[in-house]
């Protein structure tokens, strides 16, 4: 059984990656934060008595299911109601990412401004390329290479076979490679 401090440390360690993973799926910062919070609450409420070694896979599965629940709610909501905010004009205010700024501000002193801007632009190209992937490919890619889960763990989280994970990852890598090459970036 994981102690309260172990559970708290675990959640602190997965917070940023889990937020990005949720954001890549739903493409809405507020929704991603809600999904992350709901997932953490579900883990603490229902699985706090589990051993610490079981928490990473449980949390990834909970996060995946919470994202799916969000999409189901959105589909129902969209079928019943017309969201008037969809007709508002974009003012470009949603481009600020506090997590990226705080993580990069510590590293920025060690490199020139030109290098830092180049790195930030490259990361933006990669993020936009990841967001264009089909949902299952994006999920497999993020679990394997962002969360660093092995094939069996990824299959368990996604609820599919190991062969499907390998296929999704291979297709995602090919698509990302092609997209980044088209943007002038060599993988």
C-alpha atoms as a PDB file:
ATOM      1  CA  UNK A   1       0.000   0.000   0.000  1.00  0.00           C
ATOM      2  CA  UNK A   2       1.343   3.408  -0.969  1.00  0.00           C
ATOM      3  CA  UNK A   3       1.654   5.947   1.829  1.00  0.00           C
ATOM      4  CA  UNK A   4       0.135   9.406   1.505  1.00  0.00           C
ATOM      5  CA  UNK A   5       3.538  10.949   0.827  1.00  0.00           C
ATOM      6  CA  UNK A   6       4.364   8.322  -1.817  1.00  0.00           C
ATOM      7  CA  UNK A   7       1.014   8.915  -3.502  1.00  0.00           C
ATOM      8  CA  UNK A   8       1.563  12.683  -3.387  1.00  0.00           C
ATOM      9  CA  UNK A   9       5.085  12.331  -4.826  1.00  0.00           C
ATOM     10  CA  UNK A  10       3.779  10.062  -7.577  1.00  0.00           C
ATOM     11  CA  UNK A  11       1.109  12.593  -8.572  1.00  0.00           C
ATOM     12  CA  UNK A  12       3.642  15.441  -8.565  1.00  0.00           C
ATOM     13  CA  UNK A  13       5.935  13.439 -10.851  1.00  0.00           C
ATOM     14  CA  UNK A  14       3.252  12.607 -13.436  1.00  0.00           C
ATOM     15  CA  UNK A  15       1.377  15.906 -13.360  1.00  0.00           C
ATOM     16  CA  UNK A  16       3.056  17.767 -16.244  1.00  0.00           C
ATOM     17  CA  UNK A  17       3.250  14.812 -18.620  1.00  0.00           C
ATOM     18  CA  UNK A  18      -0.321  13.797 -17.868  1.00  0.00           C
ATOM     19  CA  UNK A  19      -1.526  17.348 -18.489  1.00  0.00           C
ATOM     20  CA  UNK A  20       0.238  17.474 -21.856  1.00  0.00           C
ATOM     21  CA  UNK A  21      -1.157  14.071 -22.785  1.00  0.00           C
ATOM     22  CA  UNK A  22      -4.693  15.179 -21.944  1.00  0.00           C
ATOM     23  CA  UNK A  23      -4.151  18.476 -23.768  1.00  0.00           C
ATOM     24  CA  UNK A  24      -2.942  16.690 -26.903  1.00  0.00           C
ATOM     25  CA  UNK A  25      -6.186  14.715 -26.893  1.00  0.00           C
ATOM     26  CA  UNK A  26      -8.757  17.404 -26.127  1.00  0.00           C
ATOM     27  CA  UNK A  27      -6.897  20.521 -27.395  1.00  0.00           C
ATOM     28  CA  UNK A  28      -8.369  22.645 -24.608  1.00  0.00           C
ATOM     29  CA  UNK A  29      -6.285  23.672 -21.584  1.00  0.00           C
ATOM     30  CA  UNK A  30      -9.228  24.034 -19.200  1.00  0.00           C
ATOM     31  CA  UNK A  31     -10.673  20.677 -20.170  1.00  0.00           C
ATOM     32  CA  UNK A  32      -7.232  19.057 -19.898  1.00  0.00           C
ATOM     33  CA  UNK A  33      -6.814  20.456 -16.375  1.00  0.00           C
ATOM     34  CA  UNK A  34     -10.275  19.164 -15.431  1.00  0.00           C
ATOM     35  CA  UNK A  35      -9.471  15.743 -16.861  1.00  0.00           C
ATOM     36  CA  UNK A  36      -6.158  15.643 -15.002  1.00  0.00           C
ATOM     37  CA  UNK A  37      -7.802  16.661 -11.737  1.00  0.00           C
ATOM     38  CA  UNK A  38     -10.591  14.109 -12.146  1.00  0.00           C
ATOM     39  CA  UNK A  39      -8.058  11.376 -12.925  1.00  0.00           C
ATOM     40  CA  UNK A  40      -5.975  12.205  -9.868  1.00  0.00           C
ATOM     41  CA  UNK A  41      -9.055  12.253  -7.648  1.00  0.00           C
ATOM     42  CA  UNK A  42     -10.209   8.892  -9.013  1.00  0.00           C
ATOM     43  CA  UNK A  43      -6.778   7.388  -8.366  1.00  0.00           C
ATOM     44  CA  UNK A  44      -6.671   8.697  -4.790  1.00  0.00           C
ATOM     45  CA  UNK A  45     -10.265   7.774  -4.039  1.00  0.00           C
ATOM     46  CA  UNK A  46     -10.393   4.304  -5.543  1.00  0.00           C
ATOM     47  CA  UNK A  47      -6.817   3.015  -5.632  1.00  0.00           C
ATOM     48  CA  UNK A  48      -4.907   4.578  -2.726  1.00  0.00           C
ATOM     49  CA  UNK A  49      -4.682   1.117  -1.145  1.00  0.00           C
ATOM     50  CA  UNK A  50      -2.724  -0.292  -4.124  1.00  0.00           C
ATOM     51  CA  UNK A  51       1.050  -0.809  -4.026  1.00  0.00           C
ATOM     52  CA  UNK A  52       3.165   2.033  -5.403  1.00  0.00           C
ATOM     53  CA  UNK A  53       4.405  -0.147  -8.281  1.00  0.00           C
ATOM     54  CA  UNK A  54       0.854  -0.539  -9.641  1.00  0.00           C
ATOM     55  CA  UNK A  55       0.022   3.177  -9.653  1.00  0.00           C
ATOM     56  CA  UNK A  56       1.636   4.223 -12.973  1.00  0.00           C
ATOM     57  CA  UNK A  57      -0.400   1.834 -15.115  1.00  0.00           C
ATOM     58  CA  UNK A  58      -3.558   2.430 -13.105  1.00  0.00           C
ATOM     59  CA  UNK A  59      -3.180   6.187 -13.492  1.00  0.00           C
ATOM     60  CA  UNK A  60      -2.562   5.943 -17.241  1.00  0.00           C
ATOM     61  CA  UNK A  61      -5.657   3.791 -17.649  1.00  0.00           C
ATOM     62  CA  UNK A  62      -7.737   6.167 -15.516  1.00  0.00           C
ATOM     63  CA  UNK A  63      -6.475   9.128 -17.566  1.00  0.00           C
ATOM     64  CA  UNK A  64      -7.362   7.370 -20.835  1.00  0.00           C
ATOM     65  CA  UNK A  65     -10.842   6.525 -19.581  1.00  0.00           C
ATOM     66  CA  UNK A  66     -11.398  10.060 -18.299  1.00  0.00           C
ATOM     67  CA  UNK A  67     -10.443  11.469 -21.711  1.00  0.00           C
ATOM     68  CA  UNK A  68     -12.895   9.068 -23.380  1.00  0.00           C
ATOM     69  CA  UNK A  69     -15.605  10.121 -20.911  1.00  0.00           C
ATOM     70  CA  UNK A  70     -14.908  13.766 -21.782  1.00  0.00           C
ATOM     71  CA  UNK A  71     -15.355  13.031 -25.486  1.00  0.00           C
ATOM     72  CA  UNK A  72     -18.602  11.176 -24.789  1.00  0.00           C
ATOM     73  CA  UNK A  73     -19.935  14.112 -22.757  1.00  0.00           C
ATOM     74  CA  UNK A  74     -18.903  16.529 -25.495  1.00  0.00           C
ATOM     75  CA  UNK A  75     -20.682  14.451 -28.119  1.00  0.00           C
ATOM     76  CA  UNK A  76     -23.859  14.383 -26.053  1.00  0.00           C
ATOM     77  CA  UNK A  77     -23.600  18.075 -25.261  1.00  0.00           C
ATOM     78  CA  UNK A  78     -23.053  18.964 -28.915  1.00  0.00           C
ATOM     79  CA  UNK A  79     -25.986  16.829 -29.974  1.00  0.00           C
ATOM     80  CA  UNK A  80     -28.316  18.589 -27.547  1.00  0.00           C
ATOM     81  CA  UNK A  81     -27.036  22.156 -27.373  1.00  0.00           C
ATOM     82  CA  UNK A  82     -25.432  24.679 -29.664  1.00  0.00           C
ATOM     83  CA  UNK A  83     -22.430  26.247 -27.976  1.00  0.00           C
ATOM     84  CA  UNK A  84     -22.527  29.974 -28.788  1.00  0.00           C
ATOM     85  CA  UNK A  85     -18.875  30.429 -27.868  1.00  0.00           C
ATOM     86  CA  UNK A  86     -17.968  28.452 -30.998  1.00  0.00           C
ATOM     87  CA  UNK A  87     -19.064  31.485 -33.014  1.00  0.00           C
ATOM     88  CA  UNK A  88     -16.796  33.952 -31.181  1.00  0.00           C
ATOM     89  CA  UNK A  89     -13.703  35.192 -32.989  1.00  0.00           C
ATOM     90  CA  UNK A  90     -10.303  33.966 -31.833  1.00  0.00           C
ATOM     91  CA  UNK A  91      -8.121  36.721 -30.418  1.00  0.00           C
ATOM     92  CA  UNK A  92      -5.020  34.523 -30.154  1.00  0.00           C
ATOM     93  CA  UNK A  93      -4.920  34.669 -26.355  1.00  0.00           C
ATOM     94  CA  UNK A  94      -4.774  30.879 -25.932  1.00  0.00           C
ATOM     95  CA  UNK A  95      -1.185  30.419 -27.082  1.00  0.00           C
ATOM     96  CA  UNK A  96       0.423  31.001 -23.667  1.00  0.00           C
ATOM     97  CA  UNK A  97       1.535  27.795 -21.953  1.00  0.00           C
ATOM     98  CA  UNK A  98       2.597  28.385 -18.350  1.00  0.00           C
ATOM     99  CA  UNK A  99       4.016  24.852 -17.983  1.00  0.00           C
ATOM    100  CA  UNK A 100       6.334  25.341 -20.947  1.00  0.00           C
ATOM    101  CA  UNK A 101       7.449  28.800 -19.833  1.00  0.00           C
ATOM    102  CA  UNK A 102       8.279  27.711 -16.292  1.00  0.00           C
ATOM    103  CA  UNK A 103      10.139  24.612 -17.488  1.00  0.00           C
ATOM    104  CA  UNK A 104      12.064  26.533 -20.130  1.00  0.00           C
ATOM    105  CA  UNK A 105      12.867  29.620 -18.037  1.00  0.00           C
ATOM    106  CA  UNK A 106      15.294  27.650 -15.879  1.00  0.00           C
ATOM    107  CA  UNK A 107      17.154  26.333 -18.903  1.00  0.00           C
ATOM    108  CA  UNK A 108      17.122  29.594 -20.881  1.00  0.00           C
ATOM    109  CA  UNK A 109      20.107  31.083 -19.044  1.00  0.00           C
ATOM    110  CA  UNK A 110      22.442  28.407 -20.400  1.00  0.00           C
ATOM    111  CA  UNK A 111      21.769  29.154 -24.069  1.00  0.00           C
ATOM    112  CA  UNK A 112      21.498  32.190 -26.286  1.00  0.00           C
ATOM    113  CA  UNK A 113      18.145  33.746 -27.047  1.00  0.00           C
ATOM    114  CA  UNK A 114      18.429  32.600 -30.656  1.00  0.00           C
ATOM    115  CA  UNK A 115      19.024  28.985 -29.598  1.00  0.00           C
ATOM    116  CA  UNK A 116      16.179  29.127 -27.110  1.00  0.00           C
ATOM    117  CA  UNK A 117      13.732  30.549 -29.686  1.00  0.00           C
ATOM    118  CA  UNK A 118      14.825  27.912 -32.198  1.00  0.00           C
ATOM    119  CA  UNK A 119      14.245  25.159 -29.663  1.00  0.00           C
ATOM    120  CA  UNK A 120      10.824  26.553 -28.705  1.00  0.00           C
ATOM    121  CA  UNK A 121       9.813  26.782 -32.371  1.00  0.00           C
ATOM    122  CA  UNK A 122      10.956  23.208 -32.990  1.00  0.00           C
ATOM    123  CA  UNK A 123       8.904  22.022 -30.001  1.00  0.00           C
ATOM    124  CA  UNK A 124       5.883  23.898 -31.340  1.00  0.00           C
ATOM    125  CA  UNK A 125       6.292  22.155 -34.714  1.00  0.00           C
ATOM    126  CA  UNK A 126       6.506  18.785 -32.971  1.00  0.00           C
ATOM    127  CA  UNK A 127       3.451  19.513 -30.789  1.00  0.00           C
ATOM    128  CA  UNK A 128       1.367  20.585 -33.764  1.00  0.00           C
ATOM    129  CA  UNK A 129       2.461  17.474 -35.670  1.00  0.00           C
ATOM    130  CA  UNK A 130       1.473  15.256 -32.720  1.00  0.00           C
ATOM    131  CA  UNK A 131      -1.930  16.922 -32.544  1.00  0.00           C
ATOM    132  CA  UNK A 132      -2.618  16.054 -36.196  1.00  0.00           C
ATOM    133  CA  UNK A 133      -2.230  12.315 -35.559  1.00  0.00           C
ATOM    134  CA  UNK A 134      -5.380  10.170 -35.377  1.00  0.00           C
ATOM    135  CA  UNK A 135      -6.447   9.619 -31.742  1.00  0.00           C
ATOM    136  CA  UNK A 136      -5.306   5.996 -31.357  1.00  0.00           C
ATOM    137  CA  UNK A 137      -1.931   6.689 -32.994  1.00  0.00           C
ATOM    138  CA  UNK A 138      -1.473   9.774 -30.815  1.00  0.00           C
ATOM    139  CA  UNK A 139      -2.364   7.814 -27.677  1.00  0.00           C
ATOM    140  CA  UNK A 140      -0.002   4.949 -28.515  1.00  0.00           C
ATOM    141  CA  UNK A 141       2.820   7.351 -29.411  1.00  0.00           C
ATOM    142  CA  UNK A 142       2.421   9.416 -26.225  1.00  0.00           C
ATOM    143  CA  UNK A 143       2.224   6.370 -23.976  1.00  0.00           C
ATOM    144  CA  UNK A 144       5.265   4.715 -25.552  1.00  0.00           C
ATOM    145  CA  UNK A 145       7.556   7.687 -26.063  1.00  0.00           C
ATOM    146  CA  UNK A 146       6.246  10.397 -23.744  1.00  0.00           C
ATOM    147  CA  UNK A 147       5.253   8.247 -20.782  1.00  0.00           C
ATOM    148  CA  UNK A 148       7.993   5.697 -21.618  1.00  0.00           C
ATOM    149  CA  UNK A 149       5.747   2.668 -21.127  1.00  0.00           C
ATOM    150  CA  UNK A 150       6.747  -0.594 -22.771  1.00  0.00           C
ATOM    151  CA  UNK A 151       4.575  -2.293 -25.400  1.00  0.00           C
ATOM    152  CA  UNK A 152       2.777  -4.567 -22.921  1.00  0.00           C
ATOM    153  CA  UNK A 153       1.993  -1.696 -20.533  1.00  0.00           C
ATOM    154  CA  UNK A 154       0.779   0.481 -23.397  1.00  0.00           C
ATOM    155  CA  UNK A 155      -1.469  -2.336 -24.638  1.00  0.00           C
ATOM    156  CA  UNK A 156      -2.908  -2.720 -21.134  1.00  0.00           C
ATOM    157  CA  UNK A 157      -3.632   1.019 -20.869  1.00  0.00           C
ATOM    158  CA  UNK A 158      -5.158   1.240 -24.347  1.00  0.00           C
ATOM    159  CA  UNK A 159      -7.110  -2.004 -24.014  1.00  0.00           C
ATOM    160  CA  UNK A 160      -5.743  -3.526 -27.218  1.00  0.00           C
ATOM    161  CA  UNK A 161      -3.170  -6.093 -28.323  1.00  0.00           C
ATOM    162  CA  UNK A 162       0.568  -5.526 -28.346  1.00  0.00           C
ATOM    163  CA  UNK A 163       0.538  -5.868 -32.126  1.00  0.00           C
ATOM    164  CA  UNK A 164      -1.960  -3.015 -32.376  1.00  0.00           C
ATOM    165  CA  UNK A 165       0.286  -0.834 -30.221  1.00  0.00           C
ATOM    166  CA  UNK A 166       3.243  -1.563 -32.490  1.00  0.00           C
ATOM    167  CA  UNK A 167       1.180  -0.781 -35.588  1.00  0.00           C
ATOM    168  CA  UNK A 168      -0.165   2.482 -34.133  1.00  0.00           C
ATOM    169  CA  UNK A 169       3.319   3.570 -33.033  1.00  0.00           C
ATOM    170  CA  UNK A 170       4.879   2.715 -36.380  1.00  0.00           C
ATOM    171  CA  UNK A 171       2.221   4.651 -38.287  1.00  0.00           C
ATOM    172  CA  UNK A 172       2.515   7.589 -35.877  1.00  0.00           C
ATOM    173  CA  UNK A 173       6.292   7.750 -36.315  1.00  0.00           C
ATOM    174  CA  UNK A 174       5.951   7.602 -40.097  1.00  0.00           C
ATOM    175  CA  UNK A 175       3.321  10.352 -40.108  1.00  0.00           C
ATOM    176  CA  UNK A 176       5.311  12.553 -37.715  1.00  0.00           C
ATOM    177  CA  UNK A 177       8.484  12.047 -39.706  1.00  0.00           C
ATOM    178  CA  UNK A 178       6.735  13.030 -42.930  1.00  0.00           C
ATOM    179  CA  UNK A 179       5.004  16.043 -41.375  1.00  0.00           C
ATOM    180  CA  UNK A 180       8.197  17.361 -39.782  1.00  0.00           C
ATOM    181  CA  UNK A 181      10.176  16.779 -42.976  1.00  0.00           C
ATOM    182  CA  UNK A 182       7.536  18.763 -44.908  1.00  0.00           C
ATOM    183  CA  UNK A 183       8.037  21.598 -42.387  1.00  0.00           C
ATOM    184  CA  UNK A 184      11.794  21.565 -43.026  1.00  0.00           C
ATOM    185  CA  UNK A 185      12.775  19.646 -39.896  1.00  0.00           C
ATOM    186  CA  UNK A 186      14.842  16.488 -40.184  1.00  0.00           C
ATOM    187  CA  UNK A 187      13.992  13.849 -37.563  1.00  0.00           C
END
